[in-house]
């Protein structure tokens, strides 16, 4: 199992309907198979995620965040890891808002 504890990630690419961008930094913590993260940057005042990681490092998570308009946004995400040649982790994410228009999207995060 991949250990995400104390790893930091930054967005590399995302869908147009996302609120995160390249200024958003995610700080991960892990205890056993429970993963949490705090994140903020640009349009995100404060965000949190909570998830379960399986033996392959795939994270099933829920997230909530407050955007720069003061609106609370929520969603679900499946994050699949890829180990890069330099040993860093790239996360391929498929997500969906559970509020608002409930649209779907894809993102790529890379460990910094």
PDB file of N, CA and C in Angstrom:
ATOM      1  N   UNK A   1       0.842  -1.186   0.000  1.00  0.00           N
ATOM      2  CA  UNK A   1       0.000   0.000   0.000  1.00  0.00           C
ATOM      3  C   UNK A   1       0.882   1.243   0.000  1.00  0.00           C
ATOM      4  N   UNK A   2       0.501   2.217  -0.774  1.00  0.00           N
ATOM      5  CA  UNK A   2       1.210   3.498  -0.791  1.00  0.00           C
ATOM      6  C   UNK A   2       0.901   4.236   0.500  1.00  0.00           C
ATOM      7  N   UNK A   3       1.909   4.871   1.084  1.00  0.00           N
ATOM      8  CA  UNK A   3       1.702   5.684   2.274  1.00  0.00           C
ATOM      9  C   UNK A   3       1.713   7.155   1.851  1.00  0.00           C
ATOM     10  N   UNK A   4       0.599   7.820   2.058  1.00  0.00           N
ATOM     11  CA  UNK A   4       0.443   9.218   1.658  1.00  0.00           C
ATOM     12  C   UNK A   4       0.803  10.202   2.770  1.00  0.00           C
ATOM     13  N   UNK A   5       1.212   9.694   3.923  1.00  0.00           N
ATOM     14  CA  UNK A   5       1.436  10.550   5.088  1.00  0.00           C
ATOM     15  C   UNK A   5       2.496  11.624   4.818  1.00  0.00           C
ATOM     16  N   UNK A   6       2.138  12.867   5.106  1.00  0.00           N
ATOM     17  CA  UNK A   6       3.005  14.048   4.958  1.00  0.00           C
ATOM     18  C   UNK A   6       3.407  14.354   3.517  1.00  0.00           C
ATOM     19  N   UNK A   7       2.688  13.823   2.549  1.00  0.00           N
ATOM     20  CA  UNK A   7       2.984  14.140   1.152  1.00  0.00           C
ATOM     21  C   UNK A   7       2.166  15.362   0.737  1.00  0.00           C
ATOM     22  N   UNK A   8       2.762  16.183  -0.124  1.00  0.00           N
ATOM     23  CA  UNK A   8       2.100  17.375  -0.659  1.00  0.00           C
ATOM     24  C   UNK A   8       1.911  17.191  -2.155  1.00  0.00           C
ATOM     25  N   UNK A   9       0.751  17.624  -2.640  1.00  0.00           N
ATOM     26  CA  UNK A   9       0.423  17.512  -4.056  1.00  0.00           C
ATOM     27  C   UNK A   9      -0.037  18.863  -4.590  1.00  0.00           C
ATOM     28  N   UNK A  10       0.215  19.056  -5.880  1.00  0.00           N
ATOM     29  CA  UNK A  10      -0.235  20.269  -6.563  1.00  0.00           C
ATOM     30  C   UNK A  10      -0.934  19.840  -7.847  1.00  0.00           C
ATOM     31  N   UNK A  11      -1.962  20.564  -8.198  1.00  0.00           N
ATOM     32  CA  UNK A  11      -2.729  20.267  -9.397  1.00  0.00           C
ATOM     33  C   UNK A  11      -1.893  20.518 -10.651  1.00  0.00           C
ATOM     34  N   UNK A  12      -1.933  19.583 -11.582  1.00  0.00           N
ATOM     35  CA  UNK A  12      -1.259  19.745 -12.873  1.00  0.00           C
ATOM     36  C   UNK A  12      -2.266  20.034 -13.982  1.00  0.00           C
ATOM     37  N   UNK A  13      -3.448  19.423 -13.865  1.00  0.00           N
ATOM     38  CA  UNK A  13      -4.470  19.594 -14.898  1.00  0.00           C
ATOM     39  C   UNK A  13      -5.833  19.253 -14.299  1.00  0.00           C
ATOM     40  N   UNK A  14      -6.876  19.941 -14.764  1.00  0.00           N
ATOM     41  CA  UNK A  14      -8.224  19.640 -14.282  1.00  0.00           C
ATOM     42  C   UNK A  14      -9.266  20.067 -15.301  1.00  0.00           C
ATOM     43  N   UNK A  15     -10.489  19.679 -15.060  1.00  0.00           N
ATOM     44  CA  UNK A  15     -11.624  20.043 -15.910  1.00  0.00           C
ATOM     45  C   UNK A  15     -12.025  21.498 -15.666  1.00  0.00           C
ATOM     46  N   UNK A  16     -12.723  22.075 -16.612  1.00  0.00           N
ATOM     47  CA  UNK A  16     -13.147  23.480 -16.528  1.00  0.00           C
ATOM     48  C   UNK A  16     -14.107  23.753 -15.382  1.00  0.00           C
ATOM     49  N   UNK A  17     -14.836  22.746 -14.908  1.00  0.00           N
ATOM     50  CA  UNK A  17     -15.825  22.939 -13.854  1.00  0.00           C
ATOM     51  C   UNK A  17     -15.239  22.782 -12.447  1.00  0.00           C
ATOM     52  N   UNK A  18     -13.918  22.682 -12.341  1.00  0.00           N
ATOM     53  CA  UNK A  18     -13.251  22.558 -11.039  1.00  0.00           C
ATOM     54  C   UNK A  18     -13.039  23.934 -10.419  1.00  0.00           C
ATOM     55  N   UNK A  19     -12.884  23.954  -9.101  1.00  0.00           N
ATOM     56  CA  UNK A  19     -12.536  25.186  -8.398  1.00  0.00           C
ATOM     57  C   UNK A  19     -11.056  25.220  -8.026  1.00  0.00           C
ATOM     58  N   UNK A  20     -10.390  24.087  -8.088  1.00  0.00           N
ATOM     59  CA  UNK A  20      -8.966  24.030  -7.799  1.00  0.00           C
ATOM     60  C   UNK A  20      -8.179  24.466  -9.025  1.00  0.00           C
ATOM     61  N   UNK A  21      -6.922  24.874  -8.807  1.00  0.00           N
ATOM     62  CA  UNK A  21      -6.043  25.249  -9.910  1.00  0.00           C
ATOM     63  C   UNK A  21      -4.592  24.996  -9.488  1.00  0.00           C
ATOM     64  N   UNK A  22      -3.634  25.444 -10.285  1.00  0.00           N
ATOM     65  CA  UNK A  22      -2.229  25.135 -10.013  1.00  0.00           C
ATOM     66  C   UNK A  22      -1.715  25.775  -8.718  1.00  0.00           C
ATOM     67  N   UNK A  23      -2.446  26.720  -8.162  1.00  0.00           N
ATOM     68  CA  UNK A  23      -2.055  27.325  -6.889  1.00  0.00           C
ATOM     69  C   UNK A  23      -2.557  26.535  -5.684  1.00  0.00           C
ATOM     70  N   UNK A  24      -3.443  25.571  -5.908  1.00  0.00           N
ATOM     71  CA  UNK A  24      -3.998  24.771  -4.816  1.00  0.00           C
ATOM     72  C   UNK A  24      -2.977  23.729  -4.378  1.00  0.00           C
ATOM     73  N   UNK A  25      -2.673  23.704  -3.080  1.00  0.00           N
ATOM     74  CA  UNK A  25      -1.751  22.721  -2.506  1.00  0.00           C
ATOM     75  C   UNK A  25      -2.527  21.824  -1.552  1.00  0.00           C
ATOM     76  N   UNK A  26      -2.356  20.514  -1.720  1.00  0.00           N
ATOM     77  CA  UNK A  26      -3.007  19.499  -0.896  1.00  0.00           C
ATOM     78  C   UNK A  26      -1.959  18.893   0.035  1.00  0.00           C
ATOM     79  N   UNK A  27      -2.228  18.863   1.329  1.00  0.00           N
ATOM     80  CA  UNK A  27      -1.323  18.262   2.312  1.00  0.00           C
ATOM     81  C   UNK A  27      -2.013  17.021   2.877  1.00  0.00           C
ATOM     82  N   UNK A  28      -1.455  15.850   2.585  1.00  0.00           N
ATOM     83  CA  UNK A  28      -2.059  14.578   2.955  1.00  0.00           C
ATOM     84  C   UNK A  28      -1.507  14.059   4.280  1.00  0.00           C
ATOM     85  N   UNK A  29      -2.376  13.368   5.019  1.00  0.00           N
ATOM     86  CA  UNK A  29      -2.020  12.631   6.230  1.00  0.00           C
ATOM     87  C   UNK A  29      -2.635  11.244   6.089  1.00  0.00           C
ATOM     88  N   UNK A  30      -2.019  10.253   6.719  1.00  0.00           N
ATOM     89  CA  UNK A  30      -2.560   8.895   6.655  1.00  0.00           C
ATOM     90  C   UNK A  30      -2.329   8.171   7.963  1.00  0.00           C
ATOM     91  N   UNK A  31      -3.380   7.500   8.446  1.00  0.00           N
ATOM     92  CA  UNK A  31      -3.315   6.607   9.603  1.00  0.00           C
ATOM     93  C   UNK A  31      -3.971   5.307   9.188  1.00  0.00           C
ATOM     94  N   UNK A  32      -3.171   4.229   9.078  1.00  0.00           N
ATOM     95  CA  UNK A  32      -3.709   2.968   8.573  1.00  0.00           C
ATOM     96  C   UNK A  32      -4.196   3.171   7.155  1.00  0.00           C
ATOM     97  N   UNK A  33      -5.456   2.824   6.904  1.00  0.00           N
ATOM     98  CA  UNK A  33      -5.998   3.006   5.551  1.00  0.00           C
ATOM     99  C   UNK A  33      -6.874   4.263   5.441  1.00  0.00           C
ATOM    100  N   UNK A  34      -6.804   5.144   6.441  1.00  0.00           N
ATOM    101  CA  UNK A  34      -7.573   6.385   6.425  1.00  0.00           C
ATOM    102  C   UNK A  34      -6.673   7.535   5.972  1.00  0.00           C
ATOM    103  N   UNK A  35      -7.111   8.230   4.929  1.00  0.00           N
ATOM    104  CA  UNK A  35      -6.367   9.359   4.369  1.00  0.00           C
ATOM    105  C   UNK A  35      -7.191  10.634   4.572  1.00  0.00           C
ATOM    106  N   UNK A  36      -6.516  11.690   5.010  1.00  0.00           N
ATOM    107  CA  UNK A  36      -7.140  13.007   5.116  1.00  0.00           C
ATOM    108  C   UNK A  36      -6.241  14.012   4.408  1.00  0.00           C
ATOM    109  N   UNK A  37      -6.819  15.137   4.059  1.00  0.00           N
ATOM    110  CA  UNK A  37      -6.032  16.199   3.459  1.00  0.00           C
ATOM    111  C   UNK A  37      -6.692  17.541   3.750  1.00  0.00           C
ATOM    112  N   UNK A  38      -5.863  18.537   3.900  1.00  0.00           N
ATOM    113  CA  UNK A  38      -6.330  19.915   3.903  1.00  0.00           C
ATOM    114  C   UNK A  38      -5.783  20.558   2.635  1.00  0.00           C
ATOM    115  N   UNK A  39      -6.499  21.498   2.099  1.00  0.00           N
ATOM    116  CA  UNK A  39      -6.028  22.174   0.894  1.00  0.00           C
ATOM    117  C   UNK A  39      -6.596  23.584   0.824  1.00  0.00           C
ATOM    118  N   UNK A  40      -5.869  24.437   0.124  1.00  0.00           N
ATOM    119  CA  UNK A  40      -6.292  25.814  -0.095  1.00  0.00           C
ATOM    120  C   UNK A  40      -5.470  26.398  -1.219  1.00  0.00           C
ATOM    121  N   UNK A  41      -5.902  27.540  -1.689  1.00  0.00           N
ATOM    122  CA  UNK A  41      -5.178  28.231  -2.750  1.00  0.00           C
ATOM    123  C   UNK A  41      -6.117  28.813  -3.779  1.00  0.00           C
ATOM    124  N   UNK A  42      -5.862  30.051  -4.148  1.00  0.00           N
ATOM    125  CA  UNK A  42      -6.611  30.805  -5.149  1.00  0.00           C
ATOM    126  C   UNK A  42      -8.108  30.814  -4.842  1.00  0.00           C
ATOM    127  N   UNK A  43      -8.932  30.028  -5.544  1.00  0.00           N
ATOM    128  CA  UNK A  43     -10.388  30.052  -5.347  1.00  0.00           C
ATOM    129  C   UNK A  43     -10.843  29.310  -4.097  1.00  0.00           C
ATOM    130  N   UNK A  44      -9.962  28.532  -3.479  1.00  0.00           N
ATOM    131  CA  UNK A  44     -10.333  27.731  -2.308  1.00  0.00           C
ATOM    132  C   UNK A  44      -9.812  28.402  -1.046  1.00  0.00           C
ATOM    133  N   UNK A  45     -10.732  28.829  -0.183  1.00  0.00           N
ATOM    134  CA  UNK A  45     -10.331  29.406   1.098  1.00  0.00           C
ATOM    135  C   UNK A  45      -9.861  28.296   2.029  1.00  0.00           C
ATOM    136  N   UNK A  46     -10.629  27.216   2.108  1.00  0.00           N
ATOM    137  CA  UNK A  46     -10.270  26.080   2.944  1.00  0.00           C
ATOM    138  C   UNK A  46     -10.996  24.851   2.426  1.00  0.00           C
ATOM    139  N   UNK A  47     -10.280  23.727   2.345  1.00  0.00           N
ATOM    140  CA  UNK A  47     -10.888  22.481   1.911  1.00  0.00           C
ATOM    141  C   UNK A  47     -10.348  21.304   2.699  1.00  0.00           C
ATOM    142  N   UNK A  48     -11.158  20.260   2.786  1.00  0.00           N
ATOM    143  CA  UNK A  48     -10.776  19.020   3.473  1.00  0.00           C
ATOM    144  C   UNK A  48     -11.247  17.835   2.641  1.00  0.00           C
ATOM    145  N   UNK A  49     -10.495  16.750   2.724  1.00  0.00           N
ATOM    146  CA  UNK A  49     -10.970  15.500   2.156  1.00  0.00           C
ATOM    147  C   UNK A  49     -10.752  14.387   3.164  1.00  0.00           C
ATOM    148  N   UNK A  50     -11.581  13.354   3.049  1.00  0.00           N
ATOM    149  CA  UNK A  50     -11.525  12.185   3.918  1.00  0.00           C
ATOM    150  C   UNK A  50     -11.733  10.972   3.036  1.00  0.00           C
ATOM    151  N   UNK A  51     -10.833  10.002   3.130  1.00  0.00           N
ATOM    152  CA  UNK A  51     -10.947   8.850   2.256  1.00  0.00           C
ATOM    153  C   UNK A  51     -10.365   7.584   2.832  1.00  0.00           C
ATOM    154  N   UNK A  52     -10.626   6.501   2.118  1.00  0.00           N
ATOM    155  CA  UNK A  52     -10.066   5.189   2.434  1.00  0.00           C
ATOM    156  C   UNK A  52      -9.169   4.774   1.281  1.00  0.00           C
ATOM    157  N   UNK A  53      -7.966   4.300   1.622  1.00  0.00           N
ATOM    158  CA  UNK A  53      -7.017   3.853   0.600  1.00  0.00           C
ATOM    159  C   UNK A  53      -6.974   2.329   0.619  1.00  0.00           C
ATOM    160  N   UNK A  54      -6.965   1.696  -0.575  1.00  0.00           N
ATOM    161  CA  UNK A  54      -6.884   0.238  -0.635  1.00  0.00           C
ATOM    162  C   UNK A  54      -5.433  -0.213  -0.821  1.00  0.00           C
ATOM    163  N   UNK A  55      -5.233  -1.512  -0.929  1.00  0.00           N
ATOM    164  CA  UNK A  55      -3.876  -2.076  -1.021  1.00  0.00           C
ATOM    165  C   UNK A  55      -3.132  -1.636  -2.280  1.00  0.00           C
ATOM    166  N   UNK A  56      -3.854  -1.154  -3.295  1.00  0.00           N
ATOM    167  CA  UNK A  56      -3.229  -0.667  -4.528  1.00  0.00           C
ATOM    168  C   UNK A  56      -2.976   0.844  -4.499  1.00  0.00           C
ATOM    169  N   UNK A  57      -3.312   1.487  -3.384  1.00  0.00           N
ATOM    170  CA  UNK A  57      -3.104   2.918  -3.246  1.00  0.00           C
ATOM    171  C   UNK A  57      -4.228   3.774  -3.783  1.00  0.00           C
ATOM    172  N   UNK A  58      -5.318   3.143  -4.250  1.00  0.00           N
ATOM    173  CA  UNK A  58      -6.470   3.882  -4.763  1.00  0.00           C
ATOM    174  C   UNK A  58      -7.247   4.459  -3.579  1.00  0.00           C
ATOM    175  N   UNK A  59      -7.588   5.735  -3.676  1.00  0.00           N
ATOM    176  CA  UNK A  59      -8.319   6.412  -2.603  1.00  0.00           C
ATOM    177  C   UNK A  59      -9.747   6.696  -3.058  1.00  0.00           C
ATOM    178  N   UNK A  60     -10.716   6.239  -2.273  1.00  0.00           N
ATOM    179  CA  UNK A  60     -12.128   6.619  -2.444  1.00  0.00           C
ATOM    180  C   UNK A  60     -12.381   7.684  -1.400  1.00  0.00           C
ATOM    181  N   UNK A  61     -12.766   8.896  -1.835  1.00  0.00           N
ATOM    182  CA  UNK A  61     -12.848  10.007  -0.883  1.00  0.00           C
ATOM    183  C   UNK A  61     -14.088  10.860  -1.073  1.00  0.00           C
ATOM    184  N   UNK A  62     -14.330  11.647  -0.052  1.00  0.00           N
ATOM    185  CA  UNK A  62     -15.345  12.697  -0.062  1.00  0.00           C
ATOM    186  C   UNK A  62     -14.618  13.999   0.257  1.00  0.00           C
ATOM    187  N   UNK A  63     -15.054  15.094  -0.330  1.00  0.00           N
ATOM    188  CA  UNK A  63     -14.411  16.373  -0.053  1.00  0.00           C
ATOM    189  C   UNK A  63     -15.444  17.465   0.157  1.00  0.00           C
ATOM    190  N   UNK A  64     -15.042  18.485   0.891  1.00  0.00           N
ATOM    191  CA  UNK A  64     -15.847  19.694   1.041  1.00  0.00           C
ATOM    192  C   UNK A  64     -14.892  20.881   1.104  1.00  0.00           C
ATOM    193  N   UNK A  65     -15.371  22.003   0.607  1.00  0.00           N
ATOM    194  CA  UNK A  65     -14.513  23.179   0.543  1.00  0.00           C
ATOM    195  C   UNK A  65     -15.366  24.443   0.555  1.00  0.00           C
ATOM    196  N   UNK A  66     -14.751  25.533   1.003  1.00  0.00           N
ATOM    197  CA  UNK A  66     -15.390  26.838   0.942  1.00  0.00           C
ATOM    198  C   UNK A  66     -14.626  27.648  -0.094  1.00  0.00           C
ATOM    199  N   UNK A  67     -15.354  28.129  -1.111  1.00  0.00           N
ATOM    200  CA  UNK A  67     -14.693  28.857  -2.194  1.00  0.00           C
ATOM    201  C   UNK A  67     -14.627  30.354  -1.890  1.00  0.00           C
ATOM    202  N   UNK A  68     -13.990  31.085  -2.773  1.00  0.00           N
ATOM    203  CA  UNK A  68     -13.776  32.522  -2.566  1.00  0.00           C
ATOM    204  C   UNK A  68     -15.075  33.333  -2.588  1.00  0.00           C
ATOM    205  N   UNK A  69     -16.175  32.714  -3.030  1.00  0.00           N
ATOM    206  CA  UNK A  69     -17.487  33.352  -2.978  1.00  0.00           C
ATOM    207  C   UNK A  69     -18.202  33.069  -1.659  1.00  0.00           C
ATOM    208  N   UNK A  70     -17.521  32.332  -0.757  1.00  0.00           N
ATOM    209  CA  UNK A  70     -18.112  31.989   0.530  1.00  0.00           C
ATOM    210  C   UNK A  70     -19.123  30.861   0.460  1.00  0.00           C
ATOM    211  N   UNK A  71     -19.080  30.084  -0.622  1.00  0.00           N
ATOM    212  CA  UNK A  71     -20.030  28.992  -0.824  1.00  0.00           C
ATOM    213  C   UNK A  71     -19.398  27.656  -0.443  1.00  0.00           C
ATOM    214  N   UNK A  72     -20.168  26.833   0.280  1.00  0.00           N
ATOM    215  CA  UNK A  72     -19.738  25.485   0.656  1.00  0.00           C
ATOM    216  C   UNK A  72     -20.030  24.535  -0.497  1.00  0.00           C
ATOM    217  N   UNK A  73     -18.995  23.826  -0.968  1.00  0.00           N
ATOM    218  CA  UNK A  73     -19.114  22.890  -2.081  1.00  0.00           C
ATOM    219  C   UNK A  73     -18.688  21.504  -1.609  1.00  0.00           C
ATOM    220  N   UNK A  74     -19.349  20.458  -2.127  1.00  0.00           N
ATOM    221  CA  UNK A  74     -19.058  19.084  -1.713  1.00  0.00           C
ATOM    222  C   UNK A  74     -18.951  18.181  -2.933  1.00  0.00           C
ATOM    223  N   UNK A  75     -18.231  17.059  -2.749  1.00  0.00           N
ATOM    224  CA  UNK A  75     -18.106  16.125  -3.854  1.00  0.00           C
ATOM    225  C   UNK A  75     -17.509  14.794  -3.452  1.00  0.00           C
ATOM    226  N   UNK A  76     -17.428  13.899  -4.431  1.00  0.00           N
ATOM    227  CA  UNK A  76     -16.830  12.574  -4.278  1.00  0.00           C
ATOM    228  C   UNK A  76     -15.729  12.427  -5.314  1.00  0.00           C
ATOM    229  N   UNK A  77     -14.743  11.573  -5.004  1.00  0.00           N
ATOM    230  CA  UNK A  77     -13.600  11.420  -5.897  1.00  0.00           C
ATOM    231  C   UNK A  77     -12.980  10.039  -5.743  1.00  0.00           C
ATOM    232  N   UNK A  78     -12.521   9.493  -6.865  1.00  0.00           N
ATOM    233  CA  UNK A  78     -11.699   8.282  -6.868  1.00  0.00           C
ATOM    234  C   UNK A  78     -10.348   8.681  -7.422  1.00  0.00           C
ATOM    235  N   UNK A  79      -9.296   8.421  -6.650  1.00  0.00           N
ATOM    236  CA  UNK A  79      -7.949   8.852  -6.994  1.00  0.00           C
ATOM    237  C   UNK A  79      -7.057   7.627  -7.173  1.00  0.00           C
ATOM    238  N   UNK A  80      -6.509   7.453  -8.376  1.00  0.00           N
ATOM    239  CA  UNK A  80      -5.678   6.289  -8.699  1.00  0.00           C
ATOM    240  C   UNK A  80      -4.232   6.732  -8.874  1.00  0.00           C
ATOM    241  N   UNK A  81      -3.294   6.111  -8.111  1.00  0.00           N
ATOM    242  CA  UNK A  81      -1.901   6.556  -8.164  1.00  0.00           C
ATOM    243  C   UNK A  81      -1.106   5.964  -9.322  1.00  0.00           C
ATOM    244  N   UNK A  82      -0.099   6.714  -9.723  1.00  0.00           N
ATOM    245  CA  UNK A  82       0.916   6.270 -10.674  1.00  0.00           C
ATOM    246  C   UNK A  82       2.253   6.692 -10.072  1.00  0.00           C
ATOM    247  N   UNK A  83       3.207   5.768  -9.992  1.00  0.00           N
ATOM    248  CA  UNK A  83       4.532   6.119  -9.495  1.00  0.00           C
ATOM    249  C   UNK A  83       5.399   6.536 -10.673  1.00  0.00           C
ATOM    250  N   UNK A  84       5.926   7.752 -10.597  1.00  0.00           N
ATOM    251  CA  UNK A  84       6.753   8.298 -11.676  1.00  0.00           C
ATOM    252  C   UNK A  84       8.186   7.781 -11.579  1.00  0.00           C
ATOM    253  N   UNK A  85       8.956   7.965 -12.631  1.00  0.00           N
ATOM    254  CA  UNK A  85      10.353   7.490 -12.680  1.00  0.00           C
ATOM    255  C   UNK A  85      11.195   8.076 -11.545  1.00  0.00           C
ATOM    256  N   UNK A  86      10.856   9.287 -11.094  1.00  0.00           N
ATOM    257  CA  UNK A  86      11.613   9.921 -10.013  1.00  0.00           C
ATOM    258  C   UNK A  86      11.134   9.504  -8.628  1.00  0.00           C
ATOM    259  N   UNK A  87      10.178   8.556  -8.565  1.00  0.00           N
ATOM    260  CA  UNK A  87       9.667   8.053  -7.296  1.00  0.00           C
ATOM    261  C   UNK A  87       8.495   8.843  -6.743  1.00  0.00           C
ATOM    262  N   UNK A  88       8.182   9.968  -7.349  1.00  0.00           N
ATOM    263  CA  UNK A  88       7.045  10.788  -6.908  1.00  0.00           C
ATOM    264  C   UNK A  88       5.741  10.145  -7.377  1.00  0.00           C
ATOM    265  N   UNK A  89       4.640  10.567  -6.746  1.00  0.00           N
ATOM    266  CA  UNK A  89       3.325  10.011  -7.057  1.00  0.00           C
ATOM    267  C   UNK A  89       2.524  11.002  -7.901  1.00  0.00           C
ATOM    268  N   UNK A  90       1.881  10.469  -8.919  1.00  0.00           N
ATOM    269  CA  UNK A  90       0.906  11.232  -9.721  1.00  0.00           C
ATOM    270  C   UNK A  90      -0.455  10.605  -9.444  1.00  0.00           C
ATOM    271  N   UNK A  91      -1.455  11.427  -9.136  1.00  0.00           N
ATOM    272  CA  UNK A  91      -2.801  10.948  -8.859  1.00  0.00           C
ATOM    273  C   UNK A  91      -3.730  11.306 -10.008  1.00  0.00           C
ATOM    274  N   UNK A  92      -4.397  10.293 -10.546  1.00  0.00           N
ATOM    275  CA  UNK A  92      -5.390  10.466 -11.608  1.00  0.00           C
ATOM    276  C   UNK A  92      -6.757  10.412 -10.938  1.00  0.00           C
ATOM    277  N   UNK A  93      -7.486  11.515 -11.012  1.00  0.00           N
ATOM    278  CA  UNK A  93      -8.727  11.621 -10.255  1.00  0.00           C
ATOM    279  C   UNK A  93      -9.947  11.744 -11.159  1.00  0.00           C
ATOM    280  N   UNK A  94     -10.989  11.024 -10.766  1.00  0.00           N
ATOM    281  CA  UNK A  94     -12.311  11.133 -11.376  1.00  0.00           C
ATOM    282  C   UNK A  94     -13.226  11.610 -10.257  1.00  0.00           C
ATOM    283  N   UNK A  95     -13.885  12.749 -10.452  1.00  0.00           N
ATOM    284  CA  UNK A  95     -14.673  13.323  -9.371  1.00  0.00           C
ATOM    285  C   UNK A  95     -16.017  13.817  -9.865  1.00  0.00           C
ATOM    286  N   UNK A  96     -16.897  14.081  -8.874  1.00  0.00           N
ATOM    287  CA  UNK A  96     -18.215  14.621  -9.185  1.00  0.00           C
ATOM    288  C   UNK A  96     -18.676  15.495  -8.021  1.00  0.00           C
ATOM    289  N   UNK A  97     -19.229  16.645  -8.364  1.00  0.00           N
ATOM    290  CA  UNK A  97     -19.848  17.492  -7.353  1.00  0.00           C
ATOM    291  C   UNK A  97     -21.099  16.795  -6.831  1.00  0.00           C
ATOM    292  N   UNK A  98     -21.345  16.898  -5.521  1.00  0.00           N
ATOM    293  CA  UNK A  98     -22.590  16.382  -4.934  1.00  0.00           C
ATOM    294  C   UNK A  98     -23.509  17.545  -4.563  1.00  0.00           C
ATOM    295  N   UNK A  99     -23.176  18.711  -5.038  1.00  0.00           N
ATOM    296  CA  UNK A  99     -23.984  19.913  -4.845  1.00  0.00           C
ATOM    297  C   UNK A  99     -24.014  20.662  -6.173  1.00  0.00           C
ATOM    298  N   UNK A 100     -24.741  21.765  -6.214  1.00  0.00           N
ATOM    299  CA  UNK A 100     -24.778  22.555  -7.437  1.00  0.00           C
ATOM    300  C   UNK A 100     -25.274  21.745  -8.620  1.00  0.00           C
ATOM    301  N   UNK A 101     -24.556  21.818  -9.735  1.00  0.00           N
ATOM    302  CA  UNK A 101     -24.995  21.131 -10.950  1.00  0.00           C
ATOM    303  C   UNK A 101     -24.609  19.654 -11.010  1.00  0.00           C
ATOM    304  N   UNK A 102     -23.906  19.165  -9.998  1.00  0.00           N
ATOM    305  CA  UNK A 102     -23.496  17.753  -9.876  1.00  0.00           C
ATOM    306  C   UNK A 102     -22.716  17.259 -11.092  1.00  0.00           C
ATOM    307  N   UNK A 103     -21.975  18.163 -11.715  1.00  0.00           N
ATOM    308  CA  UNK A 103     -21.175  17.795 -12.887  1.00  0.00           C
ATOM    309  C   UNK A 103     -19.966  16.960 -12.482  1.00  0.00           C
ATOM    310  N   UNK A 104     -19.381  16.294 -13.464  1.00  0.00           N
ATOM    311  CA  UNK A 104     -18.222  15.416 -13.266  1.00  0.00           C
ATOM    312  C   UNK A 104     -16.979  16.051 -13.869  1.00  0.00           C
ATOM    313  N   UNK A 105     -15.818  15.549 -13.443  1.00  0.00           N
ATOM    314  CA  UNK A 105     -14.568  16.041 -13.994  1.00  0.00           C
ATOM    315  C   UNK A 105     -13.414  15.098 -13.748  1.00  0.00           C
ATOM    316  N   UNK A 106     -12.268  15.450 -14.288  1.00  0.00           N
ATOM    317  CA  UNK A 106     -11.011  14.698 -14.127  1.00  0.00           C
ATOM    318  C   UNK A 106      -9.916  15.667 -13.749  1.00  0.00           C
ATOM    319  N   UNK A 107      -9.003  15.202 -12.889  1.00  0.00           N
ATOM    320  CA  UNK A 107      -7.869  16.011 -12.484  1.00  0.00           C
ATOM    321  C   UNK A 107      -6.626  15.148 -12.397  1.00  0.00           C
ATOM    322  N   UNK A 108      -5.466  15.791 -12.488  1.00  0.00           N
ATOM    323  CA  UNK A 108      -4.192  15.130 -12.239  1.00  0.00           C
ATOM    324  C   UNK A 108      -3.443  15.970 -11.222  1.00  0.00           C
ATOM    325  N   UNK A 109      -3.020  15.303 -10.143  1.00  0.00           N
ATOM    326  CA  UNK A 109      -2.199  15.936  -9.104  1.00  0.00           C
ATOM    327  C   UNK A 109      -0.836  15.277  -9.132  1.00  0.00           C
ATOM    328  N   UNK A 110       0.219  16.060  -8.812  1.00  0.00           N
ATOM    329  CA  UNK A 110       1.542  15.474  -8.702  1.00  0.00           C
ATOM    330  C   UNK A 110       2.180  15.875  -7.388  1.00  0.00           C
ATOM    331  N   UNK A 111       2.907  14.918  -6.805  1.00  0.00           N
ATOM    332  CA  UNK A 111       3.602  15.150  -5.547  1.00  0.00           C
ATOM    333  C   UNK A 111       4.663  16.219  -5.754  1.00  0.00           C
ATOM    334  N   UNK A 112       4.780  17.130  -4.774  1.00  0.00           N
ATOM    335  CA  UNK A 112       5.788  18.183  -4.831  1.00  0.00           C
ATOM    336  C   UNK A 112       6.778  18.004  -3.687  1.00  0.00           C
TER     337      UNK A 112
END
